């Protein structure tokens, strides 16, 4: 896809990463 779409997708998933950090750390 477009680079901006990929970045937008990843930014939208940042909350998943933060939740995983919250739970695992």
PDBML (XML) file of the C-alpha atoms, coordinates in Angstrom:
<?xml version="1.0" encoding="UTF-8" ?>
<PDBx:datablock datablockName="MODEL"
   xmlns:PDBx="http://pdbml.pdb.org/schema/pdbx-v50.xsd"
   xmlns:xsi="http://www.w3.org/2001/XMLSchema-instance"
   xsi:schemaLocation="http://pdbml.pdb.org/schema/pdbx-v50.xsd pdbx-v50.xsd">
   <PDBx:atom_siteCategory>
      <PDBx:atom_site id="1">
         <PDBx:B_iso_or_equiv>0.00</PDBx:B_iso_or_equiv>
         <PDBx:Cartn_x>0.000</PDBx:Cartn_x>
         <PDBx:Cartn_y>0.000</PDBx:Cartn_y>
         <PDBx:Cartn_z>0.000</PDBx:Cartn_z>
         <PDBx:auth_asym_id>A</PDBx:auth_asym_id>
         <PDBx:auth_atom_id>CA</PDBx:auth_atom_id>
         <PDBx:auth_comp_id>UNK</PDBx:auth_comp_id>
         <PDBx:auth_seq_id>1</PDBx:auth_seq_id>
         <PDBx:group_PDB>ATOM</PDBx:group_PDB>
         <PDBx:label_alt_id xsi:nil="true" />
         <PDBx:label_asym_id>A</PDBx:label_asym_id>
         <PDBx:label_atom_id>CA</PDBx:label_atom_id>
         <PDBx:label_comp_id>UNK</PDBx:label_comp_id>
         <PDBx:label_entity_id>1</PDBx:label_entity_id>
         <PDBx:label_seq_id>1</PDBx:label_seq_id>
         <PDBx:occupancy>1.00</PDBx:occupancy>
         <PDBx:pdbx_PDB_model_num>1</PDBx:pdbx_PDB_model_num>
         <PDBx:type_symbol>C</PDBx:type_symbol>
      </PDBx:atom_site>
      <PDBx:atom_site id="2">
         <PDBx:B_iso_or_equiv>0.00</PDBx:B_iso_or_equiv>
         <PDBx:Cartn_x>1.062</PDBx:Cartn_x>
         <PDBx:Cartn_y>3.585</PDBx:Cartn_y>
         <PDBx:Cartn_z>0.245</PDBx:Cartn_z>
         <PDBx:auth_asym_id>A</PDBx:auth_asym_id>
         <PDBx:auth_atom_id>CA</PDBx:auth_atom_id>
         <PDBx:auth_comp_id>UNK</PDBx:auth_comp_id>
         <PDBx:auth_seq_id>2</PDBx:auth_seq_id>
         <PDBx:group_PDB>ATOM</PDBx:group_PDB>
         <PDBx:label_alt_id xsi:nil="true" />
         <PDBx:label_asym_id>A</PDBx:label_asym_id>
         <PDBx:label_atom_id>CA</PDBx:label_atom_id>
         <PDBx:label_comp_id>UNK</PDBx:label_comp_id>
         <PDBx:label_entity_id>1</PDBx:label_entity_id>
         <PDBx:label_seq_id>2</PDBx:label_seq_id>
         <PDBx:occupancy>1.00</PDBx:occupancy>
         <PDBx:pdbx_PDB_model_num>1</PDBx:pdbx_PDB_model_num>
         <PDBx:type_symbol>C</PDBx:type_symbol>
      </PDBx:atom_site>
      <PDBx:atom_site id="3">
         <PDBx:B_iso_or_equiv>0.00</PDBx:B_iso_or_equiv>
         <PDBx:Cartn_x>3.692</PDBx:Cartn_x>
         <PDBx:Cartn_y>4.386</PDBx:Cartn_y>
         <PDBx:Cartn_z>2.845</PDBx:Cartn_z>
         <PDBx:auth_asym_id>A</PDBx:auth_asym_id>
         <PDBx:auth_atom_id>CA</PDBx:auth_atom_id>
         <PDBx:auth_comp_id>UNK</PDBx:auth_comp_id>
         <PDBx:auth_seq_id>3</PDBx:auth_seq_id>
         <PDBx:group_PDB>ATOM</PDBx:group_PDB>
         <PDBx:label_alt_id xsi:nil="true" />
         <PDBx:label_asym_id>A</PDBx:label_asym_id>
         <PDBx:label_atom_id>CA</PDBx:label_atom_id>
         <PDBx:label_comp_id>UNK</PDBx:label_comp_id>
         <PDBx:label_entity_id>1</PDBx:label_entity_id>
         <PDBx:label_seq_id>3</PDBx:label_seq_id>
         <PDBx:occupancy>1.00</PDBx:occupancy>
         <PDBx:pdbx_PDB_model_num>1</PDBx:pdbx_PDB_model_num>
         <PDBx:type_symbol>C</PDBx:type_symbol>
      </PDBx:atom_site>
      <PDBx:atom_site id="4">
         <PDBx:B_iso_or_equiv>0.00</PDBx:B_iso_or_equiv>
         <PDBx:Cartn_x>1.265</PDBx:Cartn_x>
         <PDBx:Cartn_y>6.768</PDBx:Cartn_y>
         <PDBx:Cartn_z>4.550</PDBx:Cartn_z>
         <PDBx:auth_asym_id>A</PDBx:auth_asym_id>
         <PDBx:auth_atom_id>CA</PDBx:auth_atom_id>
         <PDBx:auth_comp_id>UNK</PDBx:auth_comp_id>
         <PDBx:auth_seq_id>4</PDBx:auth_seq_id>
         <PDBx:group_PDB>ATOM</PDBx:group_PDB>
         <PDBx:label_alt_id xsi:nil="true" />
         <PDBx:label_asym_id>A</PDBx:label_asym_id>
         <PDBx:label_atom_id>CA</PDBx:label_atom_id>
         <PDBx:label_comp_id>UNK</PDBx:label_comp_id>
         <PDBx:label_entity_id>1</PDBx:label_entity_id>
         <PDBx:label_seq_id>4</PDBx:label_seq_id>
         <PDBx:occupancy>1.00</PDBx:occupancy>
         <PDBx:pdbx_PDB_model_num>1</PDBx:pdbx_PDB_model_num>
         <PDBx:type_symbol>C</PDBx:type_symbol>
      </PDBx:atom_site>
      <PDBx:atom_site id="5">
         <PDBx:B_iso_or_equiv>0.00</PDBx:B_iso_or_equiv>
         <PDBx:Cartn_x>-1.344</PDBx:Cartn_x>
         <PDBx:Cartn_y>3.994</PDBx:Cartn_y>
         <PDBx:Cartn_z>4.797</PDBx:Cartn_z>
         <PDBx:auth_asym_id>A</PDBx:auth_asym_id>
         <PDBx:auth_atom_id>CA</PDBx:auth_atom_id>
         <PDBx:auth_comp_id>UNK</PDBx:auth_comp_id>
         <PDBx:auth_seq_id>5</PDBx:auth_seq_id>
         <PDBx:group_PDB>ATOM</PDBx:group_PDB>
         <PDBx:label_alt_id xsi:nil="true" />
         <PDBx:label_asym_id>A</PDBx:label_asym_id>
         <PDBx:label_atom_id>CA</PDBx:label_atom_id>
         <PDBx:label_comp_id>UNK</PDBx:label_comp_id>
         <PDBx:label_entity_id>1</PDBx:label_entity_id>
         <PDBx:label_seq_id>5</PDBx:label_seq_id>
         <PDBx:occupancy>1.00</PDBx:occupancy>
         <PDBx:pdbx_PDB_model_num>1</PDBx:pdbx_PDB_model_num>
         <PDBx:type_symbol>C</PDBx:type_symbol>
      </PDBx:atom_site>
      <PDBx:atom_site id="6">
         <PDBx:B_iso_or_equiv>0.00</PDBx:B_iso_or_equiv>
         <PDBx:Cartn_x>1.201</PDBx:Cartn_x>
         <PDBx:Cartn_y>1.716</PDBx:Cartn_y>
         <PDBx:Cartn_z>6.463</PDBx:Cartn_z>
         <PDBx:auth_asym_id>A</PDBx:auth_asym_id>
         <PDBx:auth_atom_id>CA</PDBx:auth_atom_id>
         <PDBx:auth_comp_id>UNK</PDBx:auth_comp_id>
         <PDBx:auth_seq_id>6</PDBx:auth_seq_id>
         <PDBx:group_PDB>ATOM</PDBx:group_PDB>
         <PDBx:label_alt_id xsi:nil="true" />
         <PDBx:label_asym_id>A</PDBx:label_asym_id>
         <PDBx:label_atom_id>CA</PDBx:label_atom_id>
         <PDBx:label_comp_id>UNK</PDBx:label_comp_id>
         <PDBx:label_entity_id>1</PDBx:label_entity_id>
         <PDBx:label_seq_id>6</PDBx:label_seq_id>
         <PDBx:occupancy>1.00</PDBx:occupancy>
         <PDBx:pdbx_PDB_model_num>1</PDBx:pdbx_PDB_model_num>
         <PDBx:type_symbol>C</PDBx:type_symbol>
      </PDBx:atom_site>
      <PDBx:atom_site id="7">
         <PDBx:B_iso_or_equiv>0.00</PDBx:B_iso_or_equiv>
         <PDBx:Cartn_x>2.231</PDBx:Cartn_x>
         <PDBx:Cartn_y>4.400</PDBx:Cartn_y>
         <PDBx:Cartn_z>8.920</PDBx:Cartn_z>
         <PDBx:auth_asym_id>A</PDBx:auth_asym_id>
         <PDBx:auth_atom_id>CA</PDBx:auth_atom_id>
         <PDBx:auth_comp_id>UNK</PDBx:auth_comp_id>
         <PDBx:auth_seq_id>7</PDBx:auth_seq_id>
         <PDBx:group_PDB>ATOM</PDBx:group_PDB>
         <PDBx:label_alt_id xsi:nil="true" />
         <PDBx:label_asym_id>A</PDBx:label_asym_id>
         <PDBx:label_atom_id>CA</PDBx:label_atom_id>
         <PDBx:label_comp_id>UNK</PDBx:label_comp_id>
         <PDBx:label_entity_id>1</PDBx:label_entity_id>
         <PDBx:label_seq_id>7</PDBx:label_seq_id>
         <PDBx:occupancy>1.00</PDBx:occupancy>
         <PDBx:pdbx_PDB_model_num>1</PDBx:pdbx_PDB_model_num>
         <PDBx:type_symbol>C</PDBx:type_symbol>
      </PDBx:atom_site>
      <PDBx:atom_site id="8">
         <PDBx:B_iso_or_equiv>0.00</PDBx:B_iso_or_equiv>
         <PDBx:Cartn_x>-1.412</PDBx:Cartn_x>
         <PDBx:Cartn_y>5.240</PDBx:Cartn_y>
         <PDBx:Cartn_z>9.673</PDBx:Cartn_z>
         <PDBx:auth_asym_id>A</PDBx:auth_asym_id>
         <PDBx:auth_atom_id>CA</PDBx:auth_atom_id>
         <PDBx:auth_comp_id>UNK</PDBx:auth_comp_id>
         <PDBx:auth_seq_id>8</PDBx:auth_seq_id>
         <PDBx:group_PDB>ATOM</PDBx:group_PDB>
         <PDBx:label_alt_id xsi:nil="true" />
         <PDBx:label_asym_id>A</PDBx:label_asym_id>
         <PDBx:label_atom_id>CA</PDBx:label_atom_id>
         <PDBx:label_comp_id>UNK</PDBx:label_comp_id>
         <PDBx:label_entity_id>1</PDBx:label_entity_id>
         <PDBx:label_seq_id>8</PDBx:label_seq_id>
         <PDBx:occupancy>1.00</PDBx:occupancy>
         <PDBx:pdbx_PDB_model_num>1</PDBx:pdbx_PDB_model_num>
         <PDBx:type_symbol>C</PDBx:type_symbol>
      </PDBx:atom_site>
      <PDBx:atom_site id="9">
         <PDBx:B_iso_or_equiv>0.00</PDBx:B_iso_or_equiv>
         <PDBx:Cartn_x>-2.138</PDBx:Cartn_x>
         <PDBx:Cartn_y>1.525</PDBx:Cartn_y>
         <PDBx:Cartn_z>10.240</PDBx:Cartn_z>
         <PDBx:auth_asym_id>A</PDBx:auth_asym_id>
         <PDBx:auth_atom_id>CA</PDBx:auth_atom_id>
         <PDBx:auth_comp_id>UNK</PDBx:auth_comp_id>
         <PDBx:auth_seq_id>9</PDBx:auth_seq_id>
         <PDBx:group_PDB>ATOM</PDBx:group_PDB>
         <PDBx:label_alt_id xsi:nil="true" />
         <PDBx:label_asym_id>A</PDBx:label_asym_id>
         <PDBx:label_atom_id>CA</PDBx:label_atom_id>
         <PDBx:label_comp_id>UNK</PDBx:label_comp_id>
         <PDBx:label_entity_id>1</PDBx:label_entity_id>
         <PDBx:label_seq_id>9</PDBx:label_seq_id>
         <PDBx:occupancy>1.00</PDBx:occupancy>
         <PDBx:pdbx_PDB_model_num>1</PDBx:pdbx_PDB_model_num>
         <PDBx:type_symbol>C</PDBx:type_symbol>
      </PDBx:atom_site>
      <PDBx:atom_site id="10">
         <PDBx:B_iso_or_equiv>0.00</PDBx:B_iso_or_equiv>
         <PDBx:Cartn_x>0.822</PDBx:Cartn_x>
         <PDBx:Cartn_y>1.227</PDBx:Cartn_y>
         <PDBx:Cartn_z>12.618</PDBx:Cartn_z>
         <PDBx:auth_asym_id>A</PDBx:auth_asym_id>
         <PDBx:auth_atom_id>CA</PDBx:auth_atom_id>
         <PDBx:auth_comp_id>UNK</PDBx:auth_comp_id>
         <PDBx:auth_seq_id>10</PDBx:auth_seq_id>
         <PDBx:group_PDB>ATOM</PDBx:group_PDB>
         <PDBx:label_alt_id xsi:nil="true" />
         <PDBx:label_asym_id>A</PDBx:label_asym_id>
         <PDBx:label_atom_id>CA</PDBx:label_atom_id>
         <PDBx:label_comp_id>UNK</PDBx:label_comp_id>
         <PDBx:label_entity_id>1</PDBx:label_entity_id>
         <PDBx:label_seq_id>10</PDBx:label_seq_id>
         <PDBx:occupancy>1.00</PDBx:occupancy>
         <PDBx:pdbx_PDB_model_num>1</PDBx:pdbx_PDB_model_num>
         <PDBx:type_symbol>C</PDBx:type_symbol>
      </PDBx:atom_site>
      <PDBx:atom_site id="11">
         <PDBx:B_iso_or_equiv>0.00</PDBx:B_iso_or_equiv>
         <PDBx:Cartn_x>-0.179</PDBx:Cartn_x>
         <PDBx:Cartn_y>4.401</PDBx:Cartn_y>
         <PDBx:Cartn_z>14.489</PDBx:Cartn_z>
         <PDBx:auth_asym_id>A</PDBx:auth_asym_id>
         <PDBx:auth_atom_id>CA</PDBx:auth_atom_id>
         <PDBx:auth_comp_id>UNK</PDBx:auth_comp_id>
         <PDBx:auth_seq_id>11</PDBx:auth_seq_id>
         <PDBx:group_PDB>ATOM</PDBx:group_PDB>
         <PDBx:label_alt_id xsi:nil="true" />
         <PDBx:label_asym_id>A</PDBx:label_asym_id>
         <PDBx:label_atom_id>CA</PDBx:label_atom_id>
         <PDBx:label_comp_id>UNK</PDBx:label_comp_id>
         <PDBx:label_entity_id>1</PDBx:label_entity_id>
         <PDBx:label_seq_id>11</PDBx:label_seq_id>
         <PDBx:occupancy>1.00</PDBx:occupancy>
         <PDBx:pdbx_PDB_model_num>1</PDBx:pdbx_PDB_model_num>
         <PDBx:type_symbol>C</PDBx:type_symbol>
      </PDBx:atom_site>
      <PDBx:atom_site id="12">
         <PDBx:B_iso_or_equiv>0.00</PDBx:B_iso_or_equiv>
         <PDBx:Cartn_x>-3.661</PDBx:Cartn_x>
         <PDBx:Cartn_y>2.940</PDBx:Cartn_y>
         <PDBx:Cartn_z>14.883</PDBx:Cartn_z>
         <PDBx:auth_asym_id>A</PDBx:auth_asym_id>
         <PDBx:auth_atom_id>CA</PDBx:auth_atom_id>
         <PDBx:auth_comp_id>UNK</PDBx:auth_comp_id>
         <PDBx:auth_seq_id>12</PDBx:auth_seq_id>
         <PDBx:group_PDB>ATOM</PDBx:group_PDB>
         <PDBx:label_alt_id xsi:nil="true" />
         <PDBx:label_asym_id>A</PDBx:label_asym_id>
         <PDBx:label_atom_id>CA</PDBx:label_atom_id>
         <PDBx:label_comp_id>UNK</PDBx:label_comp_id>
         <PDBx:label_entity_id>1</PDBx:label_entity_id>
         <PDBx:label_seq_id>12</PDBx:label_seq_id>
         <PDBx:occupancy>1.00</PDBx:occupancy>
         <PDBx:pdbx_PDB_model_num>1</PDBx:pdbx_PDB_model_num>
         <PDBx:type_symbol>C</PDBx:type_symbol>
      </PDBx:atom_site>
      <PDBx:atom_site id="13">
         <PDBx:B_iso_or_equiv>0.00</PDBx:B_iso_or_equiv>
         <PDBx:Cartn_x>-2.133</PDBx:Cartn_x>
         <PDBx:Cartn_y>-0.188</PDBx:Cartn_y>
         <PDBx:Cartn_z>16.406</PDBx:Cartn_z>
         <PDBx:auth_asym_id>A</PDBx:auth_asym_id>
         <PDBx:auth_atom_id>CA</PDBx:auth_atom_id>
         <PDBx:auth_comp_id>UNK</PDBx:auth_comp_id>
         <PDBx:auth_seq_id>13</PDBx:auth_seq_id>
         <PDBx:group_PDB>ATOM</PDBx:group_PDB>
         <PDBx:label_alt_id xsi:nil="true" />
         <PDBx:label_asym_id>A</PDBx:label_asym_id>
         <PDBx:label_atom_id>CA</PDBx:label_atom_id>
         <PDBx:label_comp_id>UNK</PDBx:label_comp_id>
         <PDBx:label_entity_id>1</PDBx:label_entity_id>
         <PDBx:label_seq_id>13</PDBx:label_seq_id>
         <PDBx:occupancy>1.00</PDBx:occupancy>
         <PDBx:pdbx_PDB_model_num>1</PDBx:pdbx_PDB_model_num>
         <PDBx:type_symbol>C</PDBx:type_symbol>
      </PDBx:atom_site>
      <PDBx:atom_site id="14">
         <PDBx:B_iso_or_equiv>0.00</PDBx:B_iso_or_equiv>
         <PDBx:Cartn_x>0.098</PDBx:Cartn_x>
         <PDBx:Cartn_y>1.709</PDBx:Cartn_y>
         <PDBx:Cartn_z>18.849</PDBx:Cartn_z>
         <PDBx:auth_asym_id>A</PDBx:auth_asym_id>
         <PDBx:auth_atom_id>CA</PDBx:auth_atom_id>
         <PDBx:auth_comp_id>UNK</PDBx:auth_comp_id>
         <PDBx:auth_seq_id>14</PDBx:auth_seq_id>
         <PDBx:group_PDB>ATOM</PDBx:group_PDB>
         <PDBx:label_alt_id xsi:nil="true" />
         <PDBx:label_asym_id>A</PDBx:label_asym_id>
         <PDBx:label_atom_id>CA</PDBx:label_atom_id>
         <PDBx:label_comp_id>UNK</PDBx:label_comp_id>
         <PDBx:label_entity_id>1</PDBx:label_entity_id>
         <PDBx:label_seq_id>14</PDBx:label_seq_id>
         <PDBx:occupancy>1.00</PDBx:occupancy>
         <PDBx:pdbx_PDB_model_num>1</PDBx:pdbx_PDB_model_num>
         <PDBx:type_symbol>C</PDBx:type_symbol>
      </PDBx:atom_site>
      <PDBx:atom_site id="15">
         <PDBx:B_iso_or_equiv>0.00</PDBx:B_iso_or_equiv>
         <PDBx:Cartn_x>-2.515</PDBx:Cartn_x>
         <PDBx:Cartn_y>1.171</PDBx:Cartn_y>
         <PDBx:Cartn_z>21.554</PDBx:Cartn_z>
         <PDBx:auth_asym_id>A</PDBx:auth_asym_id>
         <PDBx:auth_atom_id>CA</PDBx:auth_atom_id>
         <PDBx:auth_comp_id>UNK</PDBx:auth_comp_id>
         <PDBx:auth_seq_id>15</PDBx:auth_seq_id>
         <PDBx:group_PDB>ATOM</PDBx:group_PDB>
         <PDBx:label_alt_id xsi:nil="true" />
         <PDBx:label_asym_id>A</PDBx:label_asym_id>
         <PDBx:label_atom_id>CA</PDBx:label_atom_id>
         <PDBx:label_comp_id>UNK</PDBx:label_comp_id>
         <PDBx:label_entity_id>1</PDBx:label_entity_id>
         <PDBx:label_seq_id>15</PDBx:label_seq_id>
         <PDBx:occupancy>1.00</PDBx:occupancy>
         <PDBx:pdbx_PDB_model_num>1</PDBx:pdbx_PDB_model_num>
         <PDBx:type_symbol>C</PDBx:type_symbol>
      </PDBx:atom_site>
      <PDBx:atom_site id="16">
         <PDBx:B_iso_or_equiv>0.00</PDBx:B_iso_or_equiv>
         <PDBx:Cartn_x>-2.107</PDBx:Cartn_x>
         <PDBx:Cartn_y>-2.613</PDBx:Cartn_y>
         <PDBx:Cartn_z>21.124</PDBx:Cartn_z>
         <PDBx:auth_asym_id>A</PDBx:auth_asym_id>
         <PDBx:auth_atom_id>CA</PDBx:auth_atom_id>
         <PDBx:auth_comp_id>UNK</PDBx:auth_comp_id>
         <PDBx:auth_seq_id>16</PDBx:auth_seq_id>
         <PDBx:group_PDB>ATOM</PDBx:group_PDB>
         <PDBx:label_alt_id xsi:nil="true" />
         <PDBx:label_asym_id>A</PDBx:label_asym_id>
         <PDBx:label_atom_id>CA</PDBx:label_atom_id>
         <PDBx:label_comp_id>UNK</PDBx:label_comp_id>
         <PDBx:label_entity_id>1</PDBx:label_entity_id>
         <PDBx:label_seq_id>16</PDBx:label_seq_id>
         <PDBx:occupancy>1.00</PDBx:occupancy>
         <PDBx:pdbx_PDB_model_num>1</PDBx:pdbx_PDB_model_num>
         <PDBx:type_symbol>C</PDBx:type_symbol>
      </PDBx:atom_site>
      <PDBx:atom_site id="17">
         <PDBx:B_iso_or_equiv>0.00</PDBx:B_iso_or_equiv>
         <PDBx:Cartn_x>1.642</PDBx:Cartn_x>
         <PDBx:Cartn_y>-2.267</PDBx:Cartn_y>
         <PDBx:Cartn_z>21.635</PDBx:Cartn_z>
         <PDBx:auth_asym_id>A</PDBx:auth_asym_id>
         <PDBx:auth_atom_id>CA</PDBx:auth_atom_id>
         <PDBx:auth_comp_id>UNK</PDBx:auth_comp_id>
         <PDBx:auth_seq_id>17</PDBx:auth_seq_id>
         <PDBx:group_PDB>ATOM</PDBx:group_PDB>
         <PDBx:label_alt_id xsi:nil="true" />
         <PDBx:label_asym_id>A</PDBx:label_asym_id>
         <PDBx:label_atom_id>CA</PDBx:label_atom_id>
         <PDBx:label_comp_id>UNK</PDBx:label_comp_id>
         <PDBx:label_entity_id>1</PDBx:label_entity_id>
         <PDBx:label_seq_id>17</PDBx:label_seq_id>
         <PDBx:occupancy>1.00</PDBx:occupancy>
         <PDBx:pdbx_PDB_model_num>1</PDBx:pdbx_PDB_model_num>
         <PDBx:type_symbol>C</PDBx:type_symbol>
      </PDBx:atom_site>
      <PDBx:atom_site id="18">
         <PDBx:B_iso_or_equiv>0.00</PDBx:B_iso_or_equiv>
         <PDBx:Cartn_x>1.117</PDBx:Cartn_x>
         <PDBx:Cartn_y>-0.067</PDBx:Cartn_y>
         <PDBx:Cartn_z>24.698</PDBx:Cartn_z>
         <PDBx:auth_asym_id>A</PDBx:auth_asym_id>
         <PDBx:auth_atom_id>CA</PDBx:auth_atom_id>
         <PDBx:auth_comp_id>UNK</PDBx:auth_comp_id>
         <PDBx:auth_seq_id>18</PDBx:auth_seq_id>
         <PDBx:group_PDB>ATOM</PDBx:group_PDB>
         <PDBx:label_alt_id xsi:nil="true" />
         <PDBx:label_asym_id>A</PDBx:label_asym_id>
         <PDBx:label_atom_id>CA</PDBx:label_atom_id>
         <PDBx:label_comp_id>UNK</PDBx:label_comp_id>
         <PDBx:label_entity_id>1</PDBx:label_entity_id>
         <PDBx:label_seq_id>18</PDBx:label_seq_id>
         <PDBx:occupancy>1.00</PDBx:occupancy>
         <PDBx:pdbx_PDB_model_num>1</PDBx:pdbx_PDB_model_num>
         <PDBx:type_symbol>C</PDBx:type_symbol>
      </PDBx:atom_site>
      <PDBx:atom_site id="19">
         <PDBx:B_iso_or_equiv>0.00</PDBx:B_iso_or_equiv>
         <PDBx:Cartn_x>-1.388</PDBx:Cartn_x>
         <PDBx:Cartn_y>-2.538</PDBx:Cartn_y>
         <PDBx:Cartn_z>26.137</PDBx:Cartn_z>
         <PDBx:auth_asym_id>A</PDBx:auth_asym_id>
         <PDBx:auth_atom_id>CA</PDBx:auth_atom_id>
         <PDBx:auth_comp_id>UNK</PDBx:auth_comp_id>
         <PDBx:auth_seq_id>19</PDBx:auth_seq_id>
         <PDBx:group_PDB>ATOM</PDBx:group_PDB>
         <PDBx:label_alt_id xsi:nil="true" />
         <PDBx:label_asym_id>A</PDBx:label_asym_id>
         <PDBx:label_atom_id>CA</PDBx:label_atom_id>
         <PDBx:label_comp_id>UNK</PDBx:label_comp_id>
         <PDBx:label_entity_id>1</PDBx:label_entity_id>
         <PDBx:label_seq_id>19</PDBx:label_seq_id>
         <PDBx:occupancy>1.00</PDBx:occupancy>
         <PDBx:pdbx_PDB_model_num>1</PDBx:pdbx_PDB_model_num>
         <PDBx:type_symbol>C</PDBx:type_symbol>
      </PDBx:atom_site>
      <PDBx:atom_site id="20">
         <PDBx:B_iso_or_equiv>0.00</PDBx:B_iso_or_equiv>
         <PDBx:Cartn_x>1.098</PDBx:Cartn_x>
         <PDBx:Cartn_y>-5.382</PDBx:Cartn_y>
         <PDBx:Cartn_z>25.589</PDBx:Cartn_z>
         <PDBx:auth_asym_id>A</PDBx:auth_asym_id>
         <PDBx:auth_atom_id>CA</PDBx:auth_atom_id>
         <PDBx:auth_comp_id>UNK</PDBx:auth_comp_id>
         <PDBx:auth_seq_id>20</PDBx:auth_seq_id>
         <PDBx:group_PDB>ATOM</PDBx:group_PDB>
         <PDBx:label_alt_id xsi:nil="true" />
         <PDBx:label_asym_id>A</PDBx:label_asym_id>
         <PDBx:label_atom_id>CA</PDBx:label_atom_id>
         <PDBx:label_comp_id>UNK</PDBx:label_comp_id>
         <PDBx:label_entity_id>1</PDBx:label_entity_id>
         <PDBx:label_seq_id>20</PDBx:label_seq_id>
         <PDBx:occupancy>1.00</PDBx:occupancy>
         <PDBx:pdbx_PDB_model_num>1</PDBx:pdbx_PDB_model_num>
         <PDBx:type_symbol>C</PDBx:type_symbol>
      </PDBx:atom_site>
      <PDBx:atom_site id="21">
         <PDBx:B_iso_or_equiv>0.00</PDBx:B_iso_or_equiv>
         <PDBx:Cartn_x>3.812</PDBx:Cartn_x>
         <PDBx:Cartn_y>-3.354</PDBx:Cartn_y>
         <PDBx:Cartn_z>27.323</PDBx:Cartn_z>
         <PDBx:auth_asym_id>A</PDBx:auth_asym_id>
         <PDBx:auth_atom_id>CA</PDBx:auth_atom_id>
         <PDBx:auth_comp_id>UNK</PDBx:auth_comp_id>
         <PDBx:auth_seq_id>21</PDBx:auth_seq_id>
         <PDBx:group_PDB>ATOM</PDBx:group_PDB>
         <PDBx:label_alt_id xsi:nil="true" />
         <PDBx:label_asym_id>A</PDBx:label_asym_id>
         <PDBx:label_atom_id>CA</PDBx:label_atom_id>
         <PDBx:label_comp_id>UNK</PDBx:label_comp_id>
         <PDBx:label_entity_id>1</PDBx:label_entity_id>
         <PDBx:label_seq_id>21</PDBx:label_seq_id>
         <PDBx:occupancy>1.00</PDBx:occupancy>
         <PDBx:pdbx_PDB_model_num>1</PDBx:pdbx_PDB_model_num>
         <PDBx:type_symbol>C</PDBx:type_symbol>
      </PDBx:atom_site>
      <PDBx:atom_site id="22">
         <PDBx:B_iso_or_equiv>0.00</PDBx:B_iso_or_equiv>
         <PDBx:Cartn_x>1.425</PDBx:Cartn_x>
         <PDBx:Cartn_y>-2.620</PDBx:Cartn_y>
         <PDBx:Cartn_z>30.197</PDBx:Cartn_z>
         <PDBx:auth_asym_id>A</PDBx:auth_asym_id>
         <PDBx:auth_atom_id>CA</PDBx:auth_atom_id>
         <PDBx:auth_comp_id>UNK</PDBx:auth_comp_id>
         <PDBx:auth_seq_id>22</PDBx:auth_seq_id>
         <PDBx:group_PDB>ATOM</PDBx:group_PDB>
         <PDBx:label_alt_id xsi:nil="true" />
         <PDBx:label_asym_id>A</PDBx:label_asym_id>
         <PDBx:label_atom_id>CA</PDBx:label_atom_id>
         <PDBx:label_comp_id>UNK</PDBx:label_comp_id>
         <PDBx:label_entity_id>1</PDBx:label_entity_id>
         <PDBx:label_seq_id>22</PDBx:label_seq_id>
         <PDBx:occupancy>1.00</PDBx:occupancy>
         <PDBx:pdbx_PDB_model_num>1</PDBx:pdbx_PDB_model_num>
         <PDBx:type_symbol>C</PDBx:type_symbol>
      </PDBx:atom_site>
      <PDBx:atom_site id="23">
         <PDBx:B_iso_or_equiv>0.00</PDBx:B_iso_or_equiv>
         <PDBx:Cartn_x>0.583</PDBx:Cartn_x>
         <PDBx:Cartn_y>-6.312</PDBx:Cartn_y>
         <PDBx:Cartn_z>30.610</PDBx:Cartn_z>
         <PDBx:auth_asym_id>A</PDBx:auth_asym_id>
         <PDBx:auth_atom_id>CA</PDBx:auth_atom_id>
         <PDBx:auth_comp_id>UNK</PDBx:auth_comp_id>
         <PDBx:auth_seq_id>23</PDBx:auth_seq_id>
         <PDBx:group_PDB>ATOM</PDBx:group_PDB>
         <PDBx:label_alt_id xsi:nil="true" />
         <PDBx:label_asym_id>A</PDBx:label_asym_id>
         <PDBx:label_atom_id>CA</PDBx:label_atom_id>
         <PDBx:label_comp_id>UNK</PDBx:label_comp_id>
         <PDBx:label_entity_id>1</PDBx:label_entity_id>
         <PDBx:label_seq_id>23</PDBx:label_seq_id>
         <PDBx:occupancy>1.00</PDBx:occupancy>
         <PDBx:pdbx_PDB_model_num>1</PDBx:pdbx_PDB_model_num>
         <PDBx:type_symbol>C</PDBx:type_symbol>
      </PDBx:atom_site>
      <PDBx:atom_site id="24">
         <PDBx:B_iso_or_equiv>0.00</PDBx:B_iso_or_equiv>
         <PDBx:Cartn_x>4.022</PDBx:Cartn_x>
         <PDBx:Cartn_y>-7.824</PDBx:Cartn_y>
         <PDBx:Cartn_z>30.063</PDBx:Cartn_z>
         <PDBx:auth_asym_id>A</PDBx:auth_asym_id>
         <PDBx:auth_atom_id>CA</PDBx:auth_atom_id>
         <PDBx:auth_comp_id>UNK</PDBx:auth_comp_id>
         <PDBx:auth_seq_id>24</PDBx:auth_seq_id>
         <PDBx:group_PDB>ATOM</PDBx:group_PDB>
         <PDBx:label_alt_id xsi:nil="true" />
         <PDBx:label_asym_id>A</PDBx:label_asym_id>
         <PDBx:label_atom_id>CA</PDBx:label_atom_id>
         <PDBx:label_comp_id>UNK</PDBx:label_comp_id>
         <PDBx:label_entity_id>1</PDBx:label_entity_id>
         <PDBx:label_seq_id>24</PDBx:label_seq_id>
         <PDBx:occupancy>1.00</PDBx:occupancy>
         <PDBx:pdbx_PDB_model_num>1</PDBx:pdbx_PDB_model_num>
         <PDBx:type_symbol>C</PDBx:type_symbol>
      </PDBx:atom_site>
      <PDBx:atom_site id="25">
         <PDBx:B_iso_or_equiv>0.00</PDBx:B_iso_or_equiv>
         <PDBx:Cartn_x>6.337</PDBx:Cartn_x>
         <PDBx:Cartn_y>-5.314</PDBx:Cartn_y>
         <PDBx:Cartn_z>31.776</PDBx:Cartn_z>
         <PDBx:auth_asym_id>A</PDBx:auth_asym_id>
         <PDBx:auth_atom_id>CA</PDBx:auth_atom_id>
         <PDBx:auth_comp_id>UNK</PDBx:auth_comp_id>
         <PDBx:auth_seq_id>25</PDBx:auth_seq_id>
         <PDBx:group_PDB>ATOM</PDBx:group_PDB>
         <PDBx:label_alt_id xsi:nil="true" />
         <PDBx:label_asym_id>A</PDBx:label_asym_id>
         <PDBx:label_atom_id>CA</PDBx:label_atom_id>
         <PDBx:label_comp_id>UNK</PDBx:label_comp_id>
         <PDBx:label_entity_id>1</PDBx:label_entity_id>
         <PDBx:label_seq_id>25</PDBx:label_seq_id>
         <PDBx:occupancy>1.00</PDBx:occupancy>
         <PDBx:pdbx_PDB_model_num>1</PDBx:pdbx_PDB_model_num>
         <PDBx:type_symbol>C</PDBx:type_symbol>
      </PDBx:atom_site>
   </PDBx:atom_siteCategory>
</PDBx:datablock>
